[in-house]
Amino acid sequence: MKDPRALEQLRQEREAFEQAKAQGVHWFRLRLCMGYASLFILFGVAAACSYIVLNPAGYSMAVVTIAATTLLVDMVSLAASIFKLVLQHSSAARLRPVTAARSPSRRTKPTPTA
């Protein structure tokens, strides 16, 4: 390839691909950190609520009811989050070639004229 325009286009396409790849890595790290942070928060809330529910003598019935409801909502939201973020992994952009050049097999052949 000696055409300067084609070389520049290839350079830009390569740069766009590398940028998309780097952004994919950053988004993966962010999702991973958010997942770990939410697990720690979940277990903290679950531990506090479980303590209140399992030891109701020192608390009023309203506090025990709120703790039980919070524990239930926490577990349901965890299940929904896992399903949404982990099992439905369609939110991540798929890396694919970004070159706009056509391969030789796809070029149209001129039709013979009579």
PDB file of N, CA and C in Angstrom:
ATOM      1  N   MET A   1       0.831  -1.157   0.000  1.00  0.00           N
ATOM      2  CA  MET A   1       0.000   0.000   0.000  1.00  0.00           C
ATOM      3  C   MET A   1       0.890   1.239   0.000  1.00  0.00           C
ATOM      4  N   LYS A   2       0.848   1.971  -1.063  1.00  0.00           N
ATOM      5  CA  LYS A   2       1.657   3.185  -1.149  1.00  0.00           C
ATOM      6  C   LYS A   2       0.806   4.442  -1.243  1.00  0.00           C
ATOM      7  N   ASP A   3      -0.482   4.241  -1.342  1.00  0.00           N
ATOM      8  CA  ASP A   3      -1.386   5.375  -1.428  1.00  0.00           C
ATOM      9  C   ASP A   3      -1.464   6.061  -0.056  1.00  0.00           C
ATOM     10  N   PRO A   4      -1.072   7.342   0.049  1.00  0.00           N
ATOM     11  CA  PRO A   4      -1.075   8.011   1.357  1.00  0.00           C
ATOM     12  C   PRO A   4      -2.474   8.095   1.981  1.00  0.00           C
ATOM     13  N   ARG A   5      -3.483   8.237   1.154  1.00  0.00           N
ATOM     14  CA  ARG A   5      -4.855   8.303   1.674  1.00  0.00           C
ATOM     15  C   ARG A   5      -5.262   6.965   2.297  1.00  0.00           C
ATOM     16  N   ALA A   6      -4.934   5.874   1.641  1.00  0.00           N
ATOM     17  CA  ALA A   6      -5.265   4.546   2.177  1.00  0.00           C
ATOM     18  C   ALA A   6      -4.467   4.260   3.448  1.00  0.00           C
ATOM     19  N   LEU A   7      -3.213   4.685   3.491  1.00  0.00           N
ATOM     20  CA  LEU A   7      -2.410   4.486   4.700  1.00  0.00           C
ATOM     21  C   LEU A   7      -2.973   5.285   5.871  1.00  0.00           C
ATOM     22  N   GLU A   8      -3.390   6.522   5.609  1.00  0.00           N
ATOM     23  CA  GLU A   8      -3.975   7.342   6.663  1.00  0.00           C
ATOM     24  C   GLU A   8      -5.298   6.756   7.139  1.00  0.00           C
ATOM     25  N   GLN A   9      -6.103   6.259   6.212  1.00  0.00           N
ATOM     26  CA  GLN A   9      -7.374   5.645   6.586  1.00  0.00           C
ATOM     27  C   GLN A   9      -7.129   4.400   7.449  1.00  0.00           C
ATOM     28  N   LEU A  10      -6.163   3.593   7.074  1.00  0.00           N
ATOM     29  CA  LEU A  10      -5.832   2.397   7.854  1.00  0.00           C
ATOM     30  C   LEU A  10      -5.315   2.783   9.241  1.00  0.00           C
ATOM     31  N   ARG A  11      -4.510   3.834   9.324  1.00  0.00           N
ATOM     32  CA  ARG A  11      -4.002   4.294  10.619  1.00  0.00           C
ATOM     33  C   ARG A  11      -5.145   4.739  11.521  1.00  0.00           C
ATOM     34  N   GLN A  12      -6.086   5.503  10.945  1.00  0.00           N
ATOM     35  CA  GLN A  12      -7.218   5.976  11.729  1.00  0.00           C
ATOM     36  C   GLN A  12      -8.113   4.819  12.178  1.00  0.00           C
ATOM     37  N   GLU A  13      -8.309   3.857  11.303  1.00  0.00           N
ATOM     38  CA  GLU A  13      -9.127   2.701  11.658  1.00  0.00           C
ATOM     39  C   GLU A  13      -8.454   1.874  12.749  1.00  0.00           C
ATOM     40  N   ARG A  14      -7.147   1.718  12.660  1.00  0.00           N
ATOM     41  CA  ARG A  14      -6.406   0.990  13.688  1.00  0.00           C
ATOM     42  C   ARG A  14      -6.491   1.731  15.022  1.00  0.00           C
ATOM     43  N   GLU A  15      -6.378   3.057  14.974  1.00  0.00           N
ATOM     44  CA  GLU A  15      -6.473   3.865  16.186  1.00  0.00           C
ATOM     45  C   GLU A  15      -7.870   3.765  16.803  1.00  0.00           C
ATOM     46  N   ALA A  16      -8.898   3.765  15.966  1.00  0.00           N
ATOM     47  CA  ALA A  16     -10.269   3.641  16.467  1.00  0.00           C
ATOM     48  C   ALA A  16     -10.482   2.271  17.119  1.00  0.00           C
ATOM     49  N   PHE A  17      -9.925   1.233  16.526  1.00  0.00           N
ATOM     50  CA  PHE A  17     -10.041  -0.102  17.099  1.00  0.00           C
ATOM     51  C   PHE A  17      -9.323  -0.184  18.442  1.00  0.00           C
ATOM     52  N   GLU A  18      -8.124   0.366  18.518  1.00  0.00           N
ATOM     53  CA  GLU A  18      -7.367   0.336  19.778  1.00  0.00           C
ATOM     54  C   GLU A  18      -8.086   1.127  20.865  1.00  0.00           C
ATOM     55  N   GLN A  19      -8.700   2.247  20.493  1.00  0.00           N
ATOM     56  CA  GLN A  19      -9.442   3.039  21.461  1.00  0.00           C
ATOM     57  C   GLN A  19     -10.664   2.267  21.956  1.00  0.00           C
ATOM     58  N   ALA A  20     -11.375   1.596  21.058  1.00  0.00           N
ATOM     59  CA  ALA A  20     -12.533   0.795  21.459  1.00  0.00           C
ATOM     60  C   ALA A  20     -12.105  -0.349  22.373  1.00  0.00           C
ATOM     61  N   LYS A  21     -10.959  -0.933  22.087  1.00  0.00           N
ATOM     62  CA  LYS A  21     -10.453  -2.018  22.930  1.00  0.00           C
ATOM     63  C   LYS A  21     -10.098  -1.504  24.325  1.00  0.00           C
ATOM     64  N   ALA A  22      -9.449  -0.352  24.405  1.00  0.00           N
ATOM     65  CA  ALA A  22      -9.089   0.231  25.703  1.00  0.00           C
ATOM     66  C   ALA A  22     -10.341   0.618  26.495  1.00  0.00           C
ATOM     67  N   GLN A  23     -11.337   1.172  25.822  1.00  0.00           N
ATOM     68  CA  GLN A  23     -12.573   1.529  26.506  1.00  0.00           C
ATOM     69  C   GLN A  23     -13.287   0.292  27.025  1.00  0.00           C
ATOM     70  N   GLY A  24     -13.232  -0.808  26.282  1.00  0.00           N
ATOM     71  CA  GLY A  24     -13.819  -2.062  26.735  1.00  0.00           C
ATOM     72  C   GLY A  24     -13.165  -2.561  28.010  1.00  0.00           C
ATOM     73  N   VAL A  25     -11.851  -2.420  28.093  1.00  0.00           N
ATOM     74  CA  VAL A  25     -11.128  -2.830  29.303  1.00  0.00           C
ATOM     75  C   VAL A  25     -11.543  -1.955  30.484  1.00  0.00           C
ATOM     76  N   HIS A  26     -11.655  -0.647  30.254  1.00  0.00           N
ATOM     77  CA  HIS A  26     -12.037   0.262  31.336  1.00  0.00           C
ATOM     78  C   HIS A  26     -13.456  -0.013  31.824  1.00  0.00           C
ATOM     79  N   TRP A  27     -14.380  -0.258  30.907  1.00  0.00           N
ATOM     80  CA  TRP A  27     -15.756  -0.557  31.308  1.00  0.00           C
ATOM     81  C   TRP A  27     -15.823  -1.867  32.064  1.00  0.00           C
ATOM     82  N   PHE A  28     -15.020  -2.863  31.661  1.00  0.00           N
ATOM     83  CA  PHE A  28     -14.995  -4.137  32.372  1.00  0.00           C
ATOM     84  C   PHE A  28     -14.515  -3.934  33.805  1.00  0.00           C
ATOM     85  N   ARG A  29     -13.444  -3.171  33.975  1.00  0.00           N
ATOM     86  CA  ARG A  29     -12.925  -2.910  35.323  1.00  0.00           C
ATOM     87  C   ARG A  29     -13.952  -2.163  36.173  1.00  0.00           C
ATOM     88  N   LEU A  30     -14.630  -1.197  35.579  1.00  0.00           N
ATOM     89  CA  LEU A  30     -15.642  -0.451  36.316  1.00  0.00           C
ATOM     90  C   LEU A  30     -16.780  -1.371  36.764  1.00  0.00           C
ATOM     91  N   ARG A  31     -17.280  -2.221  35.858  1.00  0.00           N
ATOM     92  CA  ARG A  31     -18.340  -3.155  36.216  1.00  0.00           C
ATOM     93  C   ARG A  31     -17.886  -4.117  37.304  1.00  0.00           C
ATOM     94  N   LEU A  32     -16.640  -4.560  37.221  1.00  0.00           N
ATOM     95  CA  LEU A  32     -16.112  -5.474  38.223  1.00  0.00           C
ATOM     96  C   LEU A  32     -16.024  -4.796  39.597  1.00  0.00           C
ATOM     97  N   CYS A  33     -15.503  -3.585  39.643  1.00  0.00           N
ATOM     98  CA  CYS A  33     -15.408  -2.846  40.912  1.00  0.00           C
ATOM     99  C   CYS A  33     -16.797  -2.560  41.484  1.00  0.00           C
ATOM    100  N   MET A  34     -17.727  -2.165  40.631  1.00  0.00           N
ATOM    101  CA  MET A  34     -19.088  -1.903  41.092  1.00  0.00           C
ATOM    102  C   MET A  34     -19.741  -3.184  41.614  1.00  0.00           C
ATOM    103  N   GLY A  35     -19.471  -4.298  40.970  1.00  0.00           N
ATOM    104  CA  GLY A  35     -20.016  -5.575  41.430  1.00  0.00           C
ATOM    105  C   GLY A  35     -19.495  -5.953  42.799  1.00  0.00           C
ATOM    106  N   TYR A  36     -18.187  -5.809  43.007  1.00  0.00           N
ATOM    107  CA  TYR A  36     -17.613  -6.127  44.311  1.00  0.00           C
ATOM    108  C   TYR A  36     -18.128  -5.178  45.389  1.00  0.00           C
ATOM    109  N   ALA A  37     -18.214  -3.905  45.072  1.00  0.00           N
ATOM    110  CA  ALA A  37     -18.715  -2.938  46.051  1.00  0.00           C
ATOM    111  C   ALA A  37     -20.167  -3.246  46.419  1.00  0.00           C
ATOM    112  N   SER A  38     -20.975  -3.596  45.437  1.00  0.00           N
ATOM    113  CA  SER A  38     -22.375  -3.900  45.733  1.00  0.00           C
ATOM    114  C   SER A  38     -22.507  -5.179  46.549  1.00  0.00           C
ATOM    115  N   LEU A  39     -21.607  -6.142  46.331  1.00  0.00           N
ATOM    116  CA  LEU A  39     -21.642  -7.349  47.155  1.00  0.00           C
ATOM    117  C   LEU A  39     -21.311  -7.041  48.614  1.00  0.00           C
ATOM    118  N   PHE A  40     -20.305  -6.215  48.850  1.00  0.00           N
ATOM    119  CA  PHE A  40     -19.967  -5.847  50.222  1.00  0.00           C
ATOM    120  C   PHE A  40     -21.116  -5.104  50.892  1.00  0.00           C
ATOM    121  N   ILE A  41     -21.736  -4.189  50.167  1.00  0.00           N
ATOM    122  CA  ILE A  41     -22.873  -3.450  50.719  1.00  0.00           C
ATOM    123  C   ILE A  41     -24.036  -4.408  50.994  1.00  0.00           C
ATOM    124  N   LEU A  42     -24.289  -5.309  50.033  1.00  0.00           N
ATOM    125  CA  LEU A  42     -25.368  -6.277  50.200  1.00  0.00           C
ATOM    126  C   LEU A  42     -25.154  -7.121  51.452  1.00  0.00           C
ATOM    127  N   PHE A  43     -23.939  -7.647  51.626  1.00  0.00           N
ATOM    128  CA  PHE A  43     -23.685  -8.501  52.784  1.00  0.00           C
ATOM    129  C   PHE A  43     -23.742  -7.705  54.088  1.00  0.00           C
ATOM    130  N   GLY A  44     -23.342  -6.447  54.061  1.00  0.00           N
ATOM    131  CA  GLY A  44     -23.463  -5.609  55.252  1.00  0.00           C
ATOM    132  C   GLY A  44     -24.916  -5.381  55.644  1.00  0.00           C
ATOM    133  N   VAL A  45     -25.740  -5.029  54.667  1.00  0.00           N
ATOM    134  CA  VAL A  45     -27.166  -4.810  54.936  1.00  0.00           C
ATOM    135  C   VAL A  45     -27.821  -6.119  55.354  1.00  0.00           C
ATOM    136  N   ALA A  46     -27.474  -7.213  54.678  1.00  0.00           N
ATOM    137  CA  ALA A  46     -28.060  -8.517  55.010  1.00  0.00           C
ATOM    138  C   ALA A  46     -27.667  -8.942  56.416  1.00  0.00           C
ATOM    139  N   ALA A  47     -26.427  -8.703  56.817  1.00  0.00           N
ATOM    140  CA  ALA A  47     -25.987  -9.078  58.166  1.00  0.00           C
ATOM    141  C   ALA A  47     -26.738  -8.272  59.226  1.00  0.00           C
ATOM    142  N   ALA A  48     -26.859  -6.966  59.016  1.00  0.00           N
ATOM    143  CA  ALA A  48     -27.572  -6.125  59.980  1.00  0.00           C
ATOM    144  C   ALA A  48     -29.043  -6.528  60.084  1.00  0.00           C
ATOM    145  N   CYS A  49     -29.679  -6.740  58.942  1.00  0.00           N
ATOM    146  CA  CYS A  49     -31.095  -7.119  58.943  1.00  0.00           C
ATOM    147  C   CYS A  49     -31.290  -8.510  59.545  1.00  0.00           C
ATOM    148  N   SER A  50     -30.398  -9.418  59.226  1.00  0.00           N
ATOM    149  CA  SER A  50     -30.498 -10.776  59.785  1.00  0.00           C
ATOM    150  C   SER A  50     -30.350 -10.751  61.296  1.00  0.00           C
ATOM    151  N   TYR A  51     -29.460  -9.940  61.791  1.00  0.00           N
ATOM    152  CA  TYR A  51     -29.281  -9.835  63.246  1.00  0.00           C
ATOM    153  C   TYR A  51     -30.561  -9.331  63.909  1.00  0.00           C
ATOM    154  N   ILE A  52     -31.164  -8.330  63.299  1.00  0.00           N
ATOM    155  CA  ILE A  52     -32.397  -7.776  63.867  1.00  0.00           C
ATOM    156  C   ILE A  52     -33.536  -8.788  63.796  1.00  0.00           C
ATOM    157  N   VAL A  53     -33.637  -9.500  62.662  1.00  0.00           N
ATOM    158  CA  VAL A  53     -34.725 -10.462  62.494  1.00  0.00           C
ATOM    159  C   VAL A  53     -34.529 -11.665  63.421  1.00  0.00           C
ATOM    160  N   LEU A  54     -33.293 -12.117  63.594  1.00  0.00           N
ATOM    161  CA  LEU A  54     -33.040 -13.295  64.431  1.00  0.00           C
ATOM    162  C   LEU A  54     -33.016 -12.981  65.926  1.00  0.00           C
ATOM    163  N   ASN A  55     -32.833 -11.724  66.298  1.00  0.00           N
ATOM    164  CA  ASN A  55     -32.843 -11.293  67.696  1.00  0.00           C
ATOM    165  C   ASN A  55     -33.865 -10.162  67.884  1.00  0.00           C
ATOM    166  N   PRO A  56     -35.158 -10.471  67.791  1.00  0.00           N
ATOM    167  CA  PRO A  56     -36.172  -9.406  67.829  1.00  0.00           C
ATOM    168  C   PRO A  56     -36.486  -8.881  69.225  1.00  0.00           C
ATOM    169  N   ALA A  57     -35.920  -9.481  70.260  1.00  0.00           N
ATOM    170  CA  ALA A  57     -36.291  -9.086  71.627  1.00  0.00           C
ATOM    171  C   ALA A  57     -35.936  -7.632  71.933  1.00  0.00           C
ATOM    172  N   GLY A  58     -34.844  -7.138  71.405  1.00  0.00           N
ATOM    173  CA  GLY A  58     -34.416  -5.788  71.718  1.00  0.00           C
ATOM    174  C   GLY A  58     -34.983  -4.720  70.805  1.00  0.00           C
ATOM    175  N   TYR A  59     -35.857  -5.093  69.892  1.00  0.00           N
ATOM    176  CA  TYR A  59     -36.364  -4.141  68.897  1.00  0.00           C
ATOM    177  C   TYR A  59     -37.883  -4.184  68.863  1.00  0.00           C
ATOM    178  N   SER A  60     -38.474  -3.096  68.412  1.00  0.00           N
ATOM    179  CA  SER A  60     -39.931  -3.069  68.283  1.00  0.00           C
ATOM    180  C   SER A  60     -40.360  -3.879  67.055  1.00  0.00           C
ATOM    181  N   MET A  61     -41.640  -4.192  67.020  1.00  0.00           N
ATOM    182  CA  MET A  61     -42.160  -4.995  65.910  1.00  0.00           C
ATOM    183  C   MET A  61     -42.028  -4.251  64.578  1.00  0.00           C
ATOM    184  N   ALA A  62     -42.144  -2.936  64.587  1.00  0.00           N
ATOM    185  CA  ALA A  62     -42.004  -2.156  63.351  1.00  0.00           C
ATOM    186  C   ALA A  62     -40.581  -2.246  62.804  1.00  0.00           C
ATOM    187  N   VAL A  63     -39.583  -2.201  63.684  1.00  0.00           N
ATOM    188  CA  VAL A  63     -38.185  -2.289  63.248  1.00  0.00           C
ATOM    189  C   VAL A  63     -37.900  -3.677  62.684  1.00  0.00           C
ATOM    190  N   VAL A  64     -38.430  -4.719  63.329  1.00  0.00           N
ATOM    191  CA  VAL A  64     -38.222  -6.087  62.838  1.00  0.00           C
ATOM    192  C   VAL A  64     -38.902  -6.261  61.479  1.00  0.00           C
ATOM    193  N   THR A  65     -40.080  -5.704  61.314  1.00  0.00           N
ATOM    194  CA  THR A  65     -40.786  -5.790  60.025  1.00  0.00           C
ATOM    195  C   THR A  65     -40.013  -5.060  58.927  1.00  0.00           C
ATOM    196  N   ILE A  66     -39.509  -3.889  59.243  1.00  0.00           N
ATOM    197  CA  ILE A  66     -38.722  -3.127  58.261  1.00  0.00           C
ATOM    198  C   ILE A  66     -37.442  -3.887  57.897  1.00  0.00           C
ATOM    199  N   ALA A  67     -36.794  -4.491  58.882  1.00  0.00           N
ATOM    200  CA  ALA A  67     -35.575  -5.254  58.621  1.00  0.00           C
ATOM    201  C   ALA A  67     -35.862  -6.471  57.743  1.00  0.00           C
ATOM    202  N   ALA A  68     -36.976  -7.167  58.021  1.00  0.00           N
ATOM    203  CA  ALA A  68     -37.335  -8.332  57.210  1.00  0.00           C
ATOM    204  C   ALA A  68     -37.662  -7.913  55.777  1.00  0.00           C
ATOM    205  N   THR A  69     -38.376  -6.816  55.637  1.00  0.00           N
ATOM    206  CA  THR A  69     -38.706  -6.309  54.295  1.00  0.00           C
ATOM    207  C   THR A  69     -37.443  -5.876  53.555  1.00  0.00           C
ATOM    208  N   THR A  70     -36.557  -5.208  54.243  1.00  0.00           N
ATOM    209  CA  THR A  70     -35.297  -4.781  53.626  1.00  0.00           C
ATOM    210  C   THR A  70     -34.468  -5.979  53.189  1.00  0.00           C
ATOM    211  N   LEU A  71     -34.438  -7.014  54.007  1.00  0.00           N
ATOM    212  CA  LEU A  71     -33.698  -8.226  53.663  1.00  0.00           C
ATOM    213  C   LEU A  71     -34.282  -8.883  52.417  1.00  0.00           C
ATOM    214  N   LEU A  72     -35.612  -8.952  52.354  1.00  0.00           N
ATOM    215  CA  LEU A  72     -36.264  -9.540  51.184  1.00  0.00           C
ATOM    216  C   LEU A  72     -35.992  -8.721  49.927  1.00  0.00           C
ATOM    217  N   VAL A  73     -36.146  -7.420  50.009  1.00  0.00           N
ATOM    218  CA  VAL A  73     -35.915  -6.550  48.851  1.00  0.00           C
ATOM    219  C   VAL A  73     -34.455  -6.610  48.416  1.00  0.00           C
ATOM    220  N   ASP A  74     -33.553  -6.690  49.378  1.00  0.00           N
ATOM    221  CA  ASP A  74     -32.121  -6.780  49.085  1.00  0.00           C
ATOM    222  C   ASP A  74     -31.801  -8.051  48.303  1.00  0.00           C
ATOM    223  N   MET A  75     -32.363  -9.171  48.717  1.00  0.00           N
ATOM    224  CA  MET A  75     -32.107 -10.440  48.027  1.00  0.00           C
ATOM    225  C   MET A  75     -32.732 -10.456  46.626  1.00  0.00           C
ATOM    226  N   VAL A  76     -33.926  -9.918  46.506  1.00  0.00           N
ATOM    227  CA  VAL A  76     -34.574  -9.864  45.189  1.00  0.00           C
ATOM    228  C   VAL A  76     -33.795  -8.951  44.243  1.00  0.00           C
ATOM    229  N   SER A  77     -33.323  -7.818  44.757  1.00  0.00           N
ATOM    230  CA  SER A  77     -32.550  -6.906  43.899  1.00  0.00           C
ATOM    231  C   SER A  77     -31.210  -7.518  43.517  1.00  0.00           C
ATOM    232  N   LEU A  78     -30.614  -8.313  44.399  1.00  0.00           N
ATOM    233  CA  LEU A  78     -29.375  -9.006  44.055  1.00  0.00           C
ATOM    234  C   LEU A  78     -29.615  -9.988  42.914  1.00  0.00           C
ATOM    235  N   ALA A  79     -30.687 -10.753  43.005  1.00  0.00           N
ATOM    236  CA  ALA A  79     -31.002 -11.707  41.940  1.00  0.00           C
ATOM    237  C   ALA A  79     -31.263 -10.984  40.619  1.00  0.00           C
ATOM    238  N   ALA A  80     -31.993  -9.889  40.668  1.00  0.00           N
ATOM    239  CA  ALA A  80     -32.271  -9.132  39.445  1.00  0.00           C
ATOM    240  C   ALA A  80     -31.000  -8.521  38.869  1.00  0.00           C
ATOM    241  N   SER A  81     -30.130  -8.019  39.722  1.00  0.00           N
ATOM    242  CA  SER A  81     -28.875  -7.421  39.252  1.00  0.00           C
ATOM    243  C   SER A  81     -27.970  -8.462  38.615  1.00  0.00           C
ATOM    244  N   ILE A  82     -27.875  -9.620  39.232  1.00  0.00           N
ATOM    245  CA  ILE A  82     -27.048 -10.686  38.661  1.00  0.00           C
ATOM    246  C   ILE A  82     -27.595 -11.089  37.304  1.00  0.00           C
ATOM    247  N   PHE A  83     -28.909 -11.233  37.202  1.00  0.00           N
ATOM    248  CA  PHE A  83     -29.503 -11.600  35.916  1.00  0.00           C
ATOM    249  C   PHE A  83     -29.243 -10.531  34.869  1.00  0.00           C
ATOM    250  N   LYS A  84     -29.409  -9.278  35.241  1.00  0.00           N
ATOM    251  CA  LYS A  84     -29.265  -8.174  34.280  1.00  0.00           C
ATOM    252  C   LYS A  84     -27.811  -7.959  33.858  1.00  0.00           C
ATOM    253  N   LEU A  85     -26.891  -7.948  34.822  1.00  0.00           N
ATOM    254  CA  LEU A  85     -25.511  -7.584  34.518  1.00  0.00           C
ATOM    255  C   LEU A  85     -24.649  -8.751  34.084  1.00  0.00           C
ATOM    256  N   VAL A  86     -24.917  -9.935  34.604  1.00  0.00           N
ATOM    257  CA  VAL A  86     -24.034 -11.067  34.326  1.00  0.00           C
ATOM    258  C   VAL A  86     -24.612 -11.969  33.251  1.00  0.00           C
ATOM    259  N   LEU A  87     -25.853 -12.384  33.418  1.00  0.00           N
ATOM    260  CA  LEU A  87     -26.413 -13.343  32.481  1.00  0.00           C
ATOM    261  C   LEU A  87     -26.810 -12.718  31.148  1.00  0.00           C
ATOM    262  N   GLN A  88     -27.248 -11.480  31.156  1.00  0.00           N
ATOM    263  CA  GLN A  88     -27.567 -10.775  29.915  1.00  0.00           C
ATOM    264  C   GLN A  88     -26.404  -9.851  29.592  1.00  0.00           C
ATOM    265  N   HIS A  89     -25.356 -10.396  29.038  1.00  0.00           N
ATOM    266  CA  HIS A  89     -24.132  -9.626  28.785  1.00  0.00           C
ATOM    267  C   HIS A  89     -24.182  -8.921  27.425  1.00  0.00           C
ATOM    268  N   SER A  90     -25.373  -8.485  27.019  1.00  0.00           N
ATOM    269  CA  SER A  90     -25.506  -7.837  25.717  1.00  0.00           C
ATOM    270  C   SER A  90     -25.136  -6.359  25.758  1.00  0.00           C
ATOM    271  N   SER A  91     -24.888  -5.818  26.951  1.00  0.00           N
ATOM    272  CA  SER A  91     -24.590  -4.391  27.038  1.00  0.00           C
ATOM    273  C   SER A  91     -23.171  -4.065  26.584  1.00  0.00           C
ATOM    274  N   ALA A  92     -22.298  -5.064  26.563  1.00  0.00           N
ATOM    275  CA  ALA A  92     -20.913  -4.815  26.157  1.00  0.00           C
ATOM    276  C   ALA A  92     -20.827  -4.737  24.634  1.00  0.00           C
ATOM    277  N   ALA A  93     -20.079  -3.782  24.154  1.00  0.00           N
ATOM    278  CA  ALA A  93     -19.883  -3.631  22.718  1.00  0.00           C
ATOM    279  C   ALA A  93     -18.919  -4.712  22.230  1.00  0.00           C
ATOM    280  N   ARG A  94     -19.248  -5.348  21.164  1.00  0.00           N
ATOM    281  CA  ARG A  94     -18.404  -6.384  20.600  1.00  0.00           C
ATOM    282  C   ARG A  94     -17.325  -5.728  19.746  1.00  0.00           C
ATOM    283  N   LEU A  95     -16.098  -6.186  19.926  1.00  0.00           N
ATOM    284  CA  LEU A  95     -15.026  -5.675  19.083  1.00  0.00           C
ATOM    285  C   LEU A  95     -15.115  -6.345  17.722  1.00  0.00           C
ATOM    286  N   ARG A  96     -14.950  -5.553  16.699  1.00  0.00           N
ATOM    287  CA  ARG A  96     -14.981  -6.078  15.333  1.00  0.00           C
ATOM    288  C   ARG A  96     -14.053  -5.221  14.490  1.00  0.00           C
ATOM    289  N   PRO A  97     -13.641  -5.740  13.372  1.00  0.00           N
ATOM    290  CA  PRO A  97     -12.779  -4.921  12.507  1.00  0.00           C
ATOM    291  C   PRO A  97     -13.514  -3.657  12.078  1.00  0.00           C
ATOM    292  N   VAL A  98     -12.787  -2.579  12.026  1.00  0.00           N
ATOM    293  CA  VAL A  98     -13.402  -1.309  11.637  1.00  0.00           C
ATOM    294  C   VAL A  98     -12.938  -0.854  10.258  1.00  0.00           C
ATOM    295  N   THR A  99     -12.201  -1.697   9.572  1.00  0.00           N
ATOM    296  CA  THR A  99     -11.705  -1.293   8.265  1.00  0.00           C
ATOM    297  C   THR A  99     -12.856  -1.200   7.280  1.00  0.00           C
ATOM    298  N   ALA A 100     -12.798  -0.192   6.470  1.00  0.00           N
ATOM    299  CA  ALA A 100     -13.838   0.026   5.470  1.00  0.00           C
ATOM    300  C   ALA A 100     -13.414  -0.495   4.105  1.00  0.00           C
ATOM    301  N   ALA A 101     -12.176  -0.966   4.004  1.00  0.00           N
ATOM    302  CA  ALA A 101     -11.683  -1.463   2.724  1.00  0.00           C
ATOM    303  C   ALA A 101     -12.407  -2.748   2.370  1.00  0.00           C
ATOM    304  N   ARG A 102     -12.695  -2.924   1.129  1.00  0.00           N
ATOM    305  CA  ARG A 102     -13.373  -4.124   0.670  1.00  0.00           C
ATOM    306  C   ARG A 102     -12.329  -5.164   0.277  1.00  0.00           C
ATOM    307  N   SER A 103     -12.651  -6.393   0.553  1.00  0.00           N
ATOM    308  CA  SER A 103     -11.735  -7.465   0.176  1.00  0.00           C
ATOM    309  C   SER A 103     -11.829  -7.716  -1.321  1.00  0.00           C
ATOM    310  N   PRO A 104     -10.773  -8.289  -1.937  1.00  0.00           N
ATOM    311  CA  PRO A 104     -10.795  -8.499  -3.381  1.00  0.00           C
ATOM    312  C   PRO A 104     -11.935  -9.387  -3.842  1.00  0.00           C
ATOM    313  N   SER A 105     -12.371 -10.329  -2.999  1.00  0.00           N
ATOM    314  CA  SER A 105     -13.446 -11.217  -3.411  1.00  0.00           C
ATOM    315  C   SER A 105     -14.797 -10.525  -3.448  1.00  0.00           C
ATOM    316  N   ARG A 106     -14.943  -9.410  -2.785  1.00  0.00           N
ATOM    317  CA  ARG A 106     -16.208  -8.692  -2.736  1.00  0.00           C
ATOM    318  C   ARG A 106     -16.304  -7.600  -3.785  1.00  0.00           C
ATOM    319  N   ARG A 107     -15.245  -7.327  -4.453  1.00  0.00           N
ATOM    320  CA  ARG A 107     -15.303  -6.293  -5.475  1.00  0.00           C
ATOM    321  C   ARG A 107     -16.200  -6.753  -6.616  1.00  0.00           C
ATOM    322  N   THR A 108     -16.939  -5.830  -7.147  1.00  0.00           N
ATOM    323  CA  THR A 108     -17.823  -6.174  -8.246  1.00  0.00           C
ATOM    324  C   THR A 108     -17.011  -6.216  -9.531  1.00  0.00           C
ATOM    325  N   LYS A 109     -17.295  -7.227 -10.305  1.00  0.00           N
ATOM    326  CA  LYS A 109     -16.610  -7.364 -11.589  1.00  0.00           C
ATOM    327  C   LYS A 109     -17.370  -6.572 -12.635  1.00  0.00           C
ATOM    328  N   PRO A 110     -16.658  -5.925 -13.520  1.00  0.00           N
ATOM    329  CA  PRO A 110     -17.363  -5.195 -14.571  1.00  0.00           C
ATOM    330  C   PRO A 110     -18.087  -6.172 -15.490  1.00  0.00           C
ATOM    331  N   THR A 111     -19.267  -5.782 -15.887  1.00  0.00           N
ATOM    332  CA  THR A 111     -20.030  -6.648 -16.789  1.00  0.00           C
ATOM    333  C   THR A 111     -19.563  -6.425 -18.210  1.00  0.00           C
ATOM    334  N   PRO A 112     -19.408  -7.507 -18.944  1.00  0.00           N
ATOM    335  CA  PRO A 112     -18.953  -7.355 -20.335  1.00  0.00           C
ATOM    336  C   PRO A 112     -20.043  -6.673 -21.181  1.00  0.00           C
ATOM    337  N   THR A 113     -19.591  -5.810 -22.033  1.00  0.00           N
ATOM    338  CA  THR A 113     -20.537  -5.122 -22.930  1.00  0.00           C
ATOM    339  C   THR A 113     -20.464  -5.775 -24.293  1.00  0.00           C
ATOM    340  N   ALA A 114     -21.571  -5.843 -24.949  1.00  0.00           N
ATOM    341  CA  ALA A 114     -21.628  -6.492 -26.257  1.00  0.00           C
ATOM    342  C   ALA A 114     -21.422  -5.547 -27.391  1.00  0.00           C
TER     343      ALA A 114
END
